[in-house]
């Protein structure tokens, strides 16, 4: 029996991220997902939205058909 696995090259939050520290966030997604670690990747609210910033994933955990990622925001794209 195989394990379904999705390869992701950007972080799509859908507004479900949790701030742990100033620039450190936690995001839990359904299913098993593989992300590049220690490489800057785009952060977006939805797949079709503009980039909100760039982050580096520090930790990926798989458990009970969920993936938890801890990432550090390294740049923020803002209109302010």
PDB file of N, CA and C in Angstrom:
ATOM      1  N   UNK A   1       0.845  -1.178   0.000  1.00  0.00           N
ATOM      2  CA  UNK A   1       0.000   0.000   0.000  1.00  0.00           C
ATOM      3  C   UNK A   1       0.885   1.234   0.000  1.00  0.00           C
ATOM      4  N   UNK A   2       0.603   2.159  -0.893  1.00  0.00           N
ATOM      5  CA  UNK A   2       1.409   3.364  -1.016  1.00  0.00           C
ATOM      6  C   UNK A   2       0.936   4.475  -0.097  1.00  0.00           C
ATOM      7  N   UNK A   3       1.800   5.437   0.110  1.00  0.00           N
ATOM      8  CA  UNK A   3       1.481   6.606   0.927  1.00  0.00           C
ATOM      9  C   UNK A   3       1.369   7.810   0.000  1.00  0.00           C
ATOM     10  N   UNK A   4       0.214   8.500  -0.034  1.00  0.00           N
ATOM     11  CA  UNK A   4       0.108   9.689  -0.879  1.00  0.00           C
ATOM     12  C   UNK A   4       1.020  10.793  -0.358  1.00  0.00           C
ATOM     13  N   UNK A   5       1.760  11.423  -1.251  1.00  0.00           N
ATOM     14  CA  UNK A   5       2.724  12.454  -0.876  1.00  0.00           C
ATOM     15  C   UNK A   5       2.651  13.586  -1.886  1.00  0.00           C
ATOM     16  N   UNK A   6       2.633  14.796  -1.389  1.00  0.00           N
ATOM     17  CA  UNK A   6       2.573  15.975  -2.249  1.00  0.00           C
ATOM     18  C   UNK A   6       3.862  16.772  -2.086  1.00  0.00           C
ATOM     19  N   UNK A   7       4.449  17.203  -3.195  1.00  0.00           N
ATOM     20  CA  UNK A   7       5.662  18.015  -3.163  1.00  0.00           C
ATOM     21  C   UNK A   7       5.267  19.483  -3.332  1.00  0.00           C
ATOM     22  N   UNK A   8       5.653  20.321  -2.384  1.00  0.00           N
ATOM     23  CA  UNK A   8       5.283  21.734  -2.403  1.00  0.00           C
ATOM     24  C   UNK A   8       6.521  22.607  -2.559  1.00  0.00           C
ATOM     25  N   UNK A   9       6.396  23.648  -3.390  1.00  0.00           N
ATOM     26  CA  UNK A   9       7.511  24.567  -3.607  1.00  0.00           C
ATOM     27  C   UNK A   9       7.167  25.979  -3.149  1.00  0.00           C
ATOM     28  N   UNK A  10       6.031  26.142  -2.465  1.00  0.00           N
ATOM     29  CA  UNK A  10       5.659  27.404  -1.847  1.00  0.00           C
ATOM     30  C   UNK A  10       4.793  27.094  -0.633  1.00  0.00           C
ATOM     31  N   UNK A  11       4.707  28.040   0.275  1.00  0.00           N
ATOM     32  CA  UNK A  11       3.862  27.893   1.460  1.00  0.00           C
ATOM     33  C   UNK A  11       2.568  28.636   1.185  1.00  0.00           C
ATOM     34  N   UNK A  12       1.449  27.914   1.233  1.00  0.00           N
ATOM     35  CA  UNK A  12       0.123  28.514   1.060  1.00  0.00           C
ATOM     36  C   UNK A  12      -0.588  28.422   2.410  1.00  0.00           C
ATOM     37  N   UNK A  13      -0.813  29.565   3.052  1.00  0.00           N
ATOM     38  CA  UNK A  13      -1.286  29.575   4.436  1.00  0.00           C
ATOM     39  C   UNK A  13      -2.808  29.517   4.584  1.00  0.00           C
ATOM     40  N   UNK A  14      -3.542  30.084   3.656  1.00  0.00           N
ATOM     41  CA  UNK A  14      -5.010  30.214   3.753  1.00  0.00           C
ATOM     42  C   UNK A  14      -5.417  30.840   5.084  1.00  0.00           C
ATOM     43  N   UNK A  15      -4.525  31.642   5.667  1.00  0.00           N
ATOM     44  CA  UNK A  15      -4.804  32.345   6.909  1.00  0.00           C
ATOM     45  C   UNK A  15      -4.767  31.478   8.158  1.00  0.00           C
ATOM     46  N   UNK A  16      -4.227  30.262   8.070  1.00  0.00           N
ATOM     47  CA  UNK A  16      -4.220  29.326   9.198  1.00  0.00           C
ATOM     48  C   UNK A  16      -2.884  29.254   9.943  1.00  0.00           C
ATOM     49  N   UNK A  17      -1.949  30.125   9.618  1.00  0.00           N
ATOM     50  CA  UNK A  17      -0.650  30.088  10.285  1.00  0.00           C
ATOM     51  C   UNK A  17      -0.780  30.607  11.715  1.00  0.00           C
ATOM     52  N   UNK A  18       0.081  30.106  12.591  1.00  0.00           N
ATOM     53  CA  UNK A  18       0.124  30.555  13.985  1.00  0.00           C
ATOM     54  C   UNK A  18       1.495  31.158  14.244  1.00  0.00           C
ATOM     55  N   UNK A  19       1.501  32.346  14.817  1.00  0.00           N
ATOM     56  CA  UNK A  19       2.772  32.997  15.143  1.00  0.00           C
ATOM     57  C   UNK A  19       3.299  32.421  16.452  1.00  0.00           C
ATOM     58  N   UNK A  20       4.529  31.902  16.420  1.00  0.00           N
ATOM     59  CA  UNK A  20       5.169  31.368  17.625  1.00  0.00           C
ATOM     60  C   UNK A  20       6.050  32.416  18.283  1.00  0.00           C
ATOM     61  N   UNK A  21       6.797  33.117  17.458  1.00  0.00           N
ATOM     62  CA  UNK A  21       7.666  34.214  17.898  1.00  0.00           C
ATOM     63  C   UNK A  21       7.542  35.310  16.858  1.00  0.00           C
ATOM     64  N   UNK A  22       8.385  36.318  16.941  1.00  0.00           N
ATOM     65  CA  UNK A  22       8.261  37.467  16.052  1.00  0.00           C
ATOM     66  C   UNK A  22       8.212  37.071  14.574  1.00  0.00           C
ATOM     67  N   UNK A  23       9.168  36.298  14.089  1.00  0.00           N
ATOM     68  CA  UNK A  23       9.202  35.893  12.683  1.00  0.00           C
ATOM     69  C   UNK A  23       9.100  34.383  12.492  1.00  0.00           C
ATOM     70  N   UNK A  24       8.694  33.655  13.511  1.00  0.00           N
ATOM     71  CA  UNK A  24       8.597  32.201  13.453  1.00  0.00           C
ATOM     72  C   UNK A  24       7.127  31.788  13.493  1.00  0.00           C
ATOM     73  N   UNK A  25       6.734  30.956  12.521  1.00  0.00           N
ATOM     74  CA  UNK A  25       5.339  30.560  12.380  1.00  0.00           C
ATOM     75  C   UNK A  25       5.214  29.046  12.325  1.00  0.00           C
ATOM     76  N   UNK A  26       4.007  28.560  12.664  1.00  0.00           N
ATOM     77  CA  UNK A  26       3.668  27.143  12.580  1.00  0.00           C
ATOM     78  C   UNK A  26       2.427  27.027  11.704  1.00  0.00           C
ATOM     79  N   UNK A  27       2.443  26.060  10.787  1.00  0.00           N
ATOM     80  CA  UNK A  27       1.310  25.825   9.902  1.00  0.00           C
ATOM     81  C   UNK A  27       1.055  24.332   9.830  1.00  0.00           C
ATOM     82  N   UNK A  28      -0.194  23.931  10.022  1.00  0.00           N
ATOM     83  CA  UNK A  28      -0.577  22.525   9.920  1.00  0.00           C
ATOM     84  C   UNK A  28      -1.455  22.353   8.692  1.00  0.00           C
ATOM     85  N   UNK A  29      -1.090  21.393   7.842  1.00  0.00           N
ATOM     86  CA  UNK A  29      -1.826  21.120   6.604  1.00  0.00           C
ATOM     87  C   UNK A  29      -2.238  19.650   6.585  1.00  0.00           C
ATOM     88  N   UNK A  30      -3.395  19.381   6.008  1.00  0.00           N
ATOM     89  CA  UNK A  30      -3.868  18.006   5.906  1.00  0.00           C
ATOM     90  C   UNK A  30      -3.083  17.260   4.831  1.00  0.00           C
ATOM     91  N   UNK A  31      -2.798  16.002   5.089  1.00  0.00           N
ATOM     92  CA  UNK A  31      -2.061  15.165   4.145  1.00  0.00           C
ATOM     93  C   UNK A  31      -0.562  15.235   4.402  1.00  0.00           C
ATOM     94  N   UNK A  32       0.148  14.364   3.711  1.00  0.00           N
ATOM     95  CA  UNK A  32       1.607  14.338   3.822  1.00  0.00           C
ATOM     96  C   UNK A  32       2.197  15.190   2.712  1.00  0.00           C
ATOM     97  N   UNK A  33       2.983  16.181   3.093  1.00  0.00           N
ATOM     98  CA  UNK A  33       3.562  17.129   2.140  1.00  0.00           C
ATOM     99  C   UNK A  33       5.063  17.240   2.381  1.00  0.00           C
ATOM    100  N   UNK A  34       5.788  17.356   1.304  1.00  0.00           N
ATOM    101  CA  UNK A  34       7.239  17.486   1.369  1.00  0.00           C
ATOM    102  C   UNK A  34       7.611  18.905   0.944  1.00  0.00           C
ATOM    103  N   UNK A  35       8.417  19.574   1.753  1.00  0.00           N
ATOM    104  CA  UNK A  35       8.856  20.946   1.487  1.00  0.00           C
ATOM    105  C   UNK A  35      10.379  21.003   1.501  1.00  0.00           C
ATOM    106  N   UNK A  36      10.963  21.924   0.731  1.00  0.00           N
ATOM    107  CA  UNK A  36      12.416  22.117   0.828  1.00  0.00           C
ATOM    108  C   UNK A  36      12.758  22.803   2.156  1.00  0.00           C
ATOM    109  N   UNK A  37      13.794  22.335   2.807  1.00  0.00           N
ATOM    110  CA  UNK A  37      14.207  22.897   4.086  1.00  0.00           C
ATOM    111  C   UNK A  37      15.449  23.763   3.878  1.00  0.00           C
ATOM    112  N   UNK A  38      15.498  24.885   4.583  1.00  0.00           N
ATOM    113  CA  UNK A  38      16.624  25.828   4.551  1.00  0.00           C
ATOM    114  C   UNK A  38      16.863  26.462   3.183  1.00  0.00           C
ATOM    115  N   UNK A  39      15.806  26.563   2.385  1.00  0.00           N
ATOM    116  CA  UNK A  39      15.877  27.235   1.084  1.00  0.00           C
ATOM    117  C   UNK A  39      14.756  28.274   1.052  1.00  0.00           C
ATOM    118  N   UNK A  40      15.020  29.523   0.707  1.00  0.00           N
ATOM    119  CA  UNK A  40      13.961  30.536   0.662  1.00  0.00           C
ATOM    120  C   UNK A  40      12.872  30.177  -0.360  1.00  0.00           C
ATOM    121  N   UNK A  41      11.608  30.216   0.082  1.00  0.00           N
ATOM    122  CA  UNK A  41      10.468  29.955  -0.808  1.00  0.00           C
ATOM    123  C   UNK A  41       9.378  30.994  -0.543  1.00  0.00           C
ATOM    124  N   UNK A  42       8.484  31.156  -1.521  1.00  0.00           N
ATOM    125  CA  UNK A  42       7.377  32.108  -1.435  1.00  0.00           C
ATOM    126  C   UNK A  42       6.364  31.704  -0.376  1.00  0.00           C
ATOM    127  N   UNK A  43       5.765  32.721   0.257  1.00  0.00           N
ATOM    128  CA  UNK A  43       4.638  32.531   1.168  1.00  0.00           C
ATOM    129  C   UNK A  43       3.459  33.274   0.553  1.00  0.00           C
ATOM    130  N   UNK A  44       2.344  32.567   0.393  1.00  0.00           N
ATOM    131  CA  UNK A  44       1.144  33.168  -0.186  1.00  0.00           C
ATOM    132  C   UNK A  44      -0.070  32.800   0.649  1.00  0.00           C
ATOM    133  N   UNK A  45      -1.070  33.660   0.636  1.00  0.00           N
ATOM    134  CA  UNK A  45      -2.309  33.368   1.360  1.00  0.00           C
ATOM    135  C   UNK A  45      -3.119  32.309   0.603  1.00  0.00           C
ATOM    136  N   UNK A  46      -3.197  32.425  -0.714  1.00  0.00           N
ATOM    137  CA  UNK A  46      -3.830  31.408  -1.565  1.00  0.00           C
ATOM    138  C   UNK A  46      -2.887  31.115  -2.717  1.00  0.00           C
ATOM    139  N   UNK A  47      -3.148  30.038  -3.404  1.00  0.00           N
ATOM    140  CA  UNK A  47      -2.276  29.635  -4.518  1.00  0.00           C
ATOM    141  C   UNK A  47      -2.218  30.690  -5.614  1.00  0.00           C
ATOM    142  N   UNK A  48      -3.333  31.407  -5.835  1.00  0.00           N
ATOM    143  CA  UNK A  48      -3.406  32.381  -6.931  1.00  0.00           C
ATOM    144  C   UNK A  48      -3.084  33.810  -6.505  1.00  0.00           C
ATOM    145  N   UNK A  49      -2.862  34.053  -5.207  1.00  0.00           N
ATOM    146  CA  UNK A  49      -2.585  35.410  -4.734  1.00  0.00           C
ATOM    147  C   UNK A  49      -1.126  35.790  -4.982  1.00  0.00           C
ATOM    148  N   UNK A  50      -0.863  37.080  -4.842  1.00  0.00           N
ATOM    149  CA  UNK A  50       0.515  37.560  -4.943  1.00  0.00           C
ATOM    150  C   UNK A  50       1.304  37.094  -3.725  1.00  0.00           C
ATOM    151  N   UNK A  51       2.610  37.078  -3.860  1.00  0.00           N
ATOM    152  CA  UNK A  51       3.483  36.657  -2.772  1.00  0.00           C
ATOM    153  C   UNK A  51       3.388  37.626  -1.596  1.00  0.00           C
ATOM    154  N   UNK A  52       3.237  37.083  -0.378  1.00  0.00           N
ATOM    155  CA  UNK A  52       3.233  37.902   0.839  1.00  0.00           C
ATOM    156  C   UNK A  52       4.636  38.105   1.374  1.00  0.00           C
ATOM    157  N   UNK A  53       5.558  37.240   0.976  1.00  0.00           N
ATOM    158  CA  UNK A  53       6.920  37.326   1.461  1.00  0.00           C
ATOM    159  C   UNK A  53       7.702  36.073   1.139  1.00  0.00           C
ATOM    160  N   UNK A  54       8.837  35.951   1.794  1.00  0.00           N
ATOM    161  CA  UNK A  54       9.727  34.806   1.609  1.00  0.00           C
ATOM    162  C   UNK A  54      10.032  34.218   2.972  1.00  0.00           C
ATOM    163  N   UNK A  55      10.081  32.885   3.028  1.00  0.00           N
ATOM    164  CA  UNK A  55      10.349  32.202   4.289  1.00  0.00           C
ATOM    165  C   UNK A  55      11.326  31.056   4.069  1.00  0.00           C
ATOM    166  N   UNK A  56      11.906  30.617   5.181  1.00  0.00           N
ATOM    167  CA  UNK A  56      12.771  29.446   5.186  1.00  0.00           C
ATOM    168  C   UNK A  56      12.153  28.447   6.157  1.00  0.00           C
ATOM    169  N   UNK A  57      11.873  27.245   5.678  1.00  0.00           N
ATOM    170  CA  UNK A  57      11.294  26.207   6.520  1.00  0.00           C
ATOM    171  C   UNK A  57      12.402  25.606   7.370  1.00  0.00           C
ATOM    172  N   UNK A  58      12.137  25.539   8.675  1.00  0.00           N
ATOM    173  CA  UNK A  58      13.111  25.029   9.627  1.00  0.00           C
ATOM    174  C   UNK A  58      12.820  23.593  10.047  1.00  0.00           C
ATOM    175  N   UNK A  59      11.538  23.186  10.013  1.00  0.00           N
ATOM    176  CA  UNK A  59      11.181  21.859  10.501  1.00  0.00           C
ATOM    177  C   UNK A  59       9.910  21.380   9.811  1.00  0.00           C
ATOM    178  N   UNK A  60       9.885  20.098   9.429  1.00  0.00           N
ATOM    179  CA  UNK A  60       8.705  19.455   8.847  1.00  0.00           C
ATOM    180  C   UNK A  60       8.415  18.204   9.670  1.00  0.00           C
ATOM    181  N   UNK A  61       7.151  18.056  10.097  1.00  0.00           N
ATOM    182  CA  UNK A  61       6.734  16.877  10.867  1.00  0.00           C
ATOM    183  C   UNK A  61       5.527  16.236  10.183  1.00  0.00           C
ATOM    184  N   UNK A  62       5.556  14.919  10.057  1.00  0.00           N
ATOM    185  CA  UNK A  62       4.416  14.157   9.531  1.00  0.00           C
ATOM    186  C   UNK A  62       3.841  13.314  10.657  1.00  0.00           C
ATOM    187  N   UNK A  63       2.504  13.373  10.821  1.00  0.00           N
ATOM    188  CA  UNK A  63       1.873  12.543  11.838  1.00  0.00           C
ATOM    189  C   UNK A  63       0.371  12.503  11.600  1.00  0.00           C
ATOM    190  N   UNK A  64      -0.196  11.293  11.627  1.00  0.00           N
ATOM    191  CA  UNK A  64      -1.647  11.096  11.525  1.00  0.00           C
ATOM    192  C   UNK A  64      -2.276  11.822  10.336  1.00  0.00           C
ATOM    193  N   UNK A  65      -1.663  11.687   9.169  1.00  0.00           N
ATOM    194  CA  UNK A  65      -2.131  12.293   7.918  1.00  0.00           C
ATOM    195  C   UNK A  65      -2.140  13.824   7.951  1.00  0.00           C
ATOM    196  N   UNK A  66      -1.258  14.417   8.750  1.00  0.00           N
ATOM    197  CA  UNK A  66      -1.084  15.870   8.784  1.00  0.00           C
ATOM    198  C   UNK A  66       0.396  16.203   8.681  1.00  0.00           C
ATOM    199  N   UNK A  67       0.671  17.355   8.108  1.00  0.00           N
ATOM    200  CA  UNK A  67       2.032  17.876   8.021  1.00  0.00           C
ATOM    201  C   UNK A  67       2.087  19.179   8.801  1.00  0.00           C
ATOM    202  N   UNK A  68       3.051  19.300   9.694  1.00  0.00           N
ATOM    203  CA  UNK A  68       3.283  20.545  10.423  1.00  0.00           C
ATOM    204  C   UNK A  68       4.606  21.118   9.947  1.00  0.00           C
ATOM    205  N   UNK A  69       4.596  22.392   9.576  1.00  0.00           N
ATOM    206  CA  UNK A  69       5.843  23.041   9.191  1.00  0.00           C
ATOM    207  C   UNK A  69       6.085  24.243  10.098  1.00  0.00           C
ATOM    208  N   UNK A  70       7.318  24.403  10.502  1.00  0.00           N
ATOM    209  CA  UNK A  70       7.761  25.589  11.227  1.00  0.00           C
ATOM    210  C   UNK A  70       8.623  26.374  10.256  1.00  0.00           C
ATOM    211  N   UNK A  71       8.281  27.646  10.073  1.00  0.00           N
ATOM    212  CA  UNK A  71       9.053  28.449   9.122  1.00  0.00           C
ATOM    213  C   UNK A  71       9.338  29.832   9.678  1.00  0.00           C
ATOM    214  N   UNK A  72      10.439  30.389   9.192  1.00  0.00           N
ATOM    215  CA  UNK A  72      10.871  31.721   9.597  1.00  0.00           C
ATOM    216  C   UNK A  72      10.682  32.677   8.422  1.00  0.00           C
ATOM    217  N   UNK A  73       9.924  33.716   8.631  1.00  0.00           N
ATOM    218  CA  UNK A  73       9.719  34.742   7.603  1.00  0.00           C
ATOM    219  C   UNK A  73      10.983  35.577   7.506  1.00  0.00           C
ATOM    220  N   UNK A  74      11.583  35.631   6.314  1.00  0.00           N
ATOM    221  CA  UNK A  74      12.837  36.389   6.169  1.00  0.00           C
ATOM    222  C   UNK A  74      12.637  37.708   5.416  1.00  0.00           C
ATOM    223  N   UNK A  75      11.520  37.817   4.663  1.00  0.00           N
ATOM    224  CA  UNK A  75      11.188  39.095   4.042  1.00  0.00           C
ATOM    225  C   UNK A  75       9.674  39.166   3.878  1.00  0.00           C
ATOM    226  N   UNK A  76       9.149  40.391   3.956  1.00  0.00           N
ATOM    227  CA  UNK A  76       7.716  40.609   3.873  1.00  0.00           C
ATOM    228  C   UNK A  76       7.437  41.605   2.760  1.00  0.00           C
ATOM    229  N   UNK A  77       6.536  41.248   1.865  1.00  0.00           N
ATOM    230  CA  UNK A  77       6.108  42.156   0.808  1.00  0.00           C
ATOM    231  C   UNK A  77       4.881  42.894   1.321  1.00  0.00           C
ATOM    232  N   UNK A  78       5.020  44.189   1.519  1.00  0.00           N
ATOM    233  CA  UNK A  78       3.941  44.974   2.115  1.00  0.00           C
ATOM    234  C   UNK A  78       3.699  46.232   1.312  1.00  0.00           C
ATOM    235  N   UNK A  79       2.455  46.693   1.310  1.00  0.00           N
ATOM    236  CA  UNK A  79       2.125  47.941   0.614  1.00  0.00           C
ATOM    237  C   UNK A  79       2.160  49.144   1.554  1.00  0.00           C
ATOM    238  N   UNK A  80       2.528  48.926   2.803  1.00  0.00           N
ATOM    239  CA  UNK A  80       2.553  50.034   3.794  1.00  0.00           C
ATOM    240  C   UNK A  80       3.672  50.996   3.510  1.00  0.00           C
TER     241      UNK A  80
END
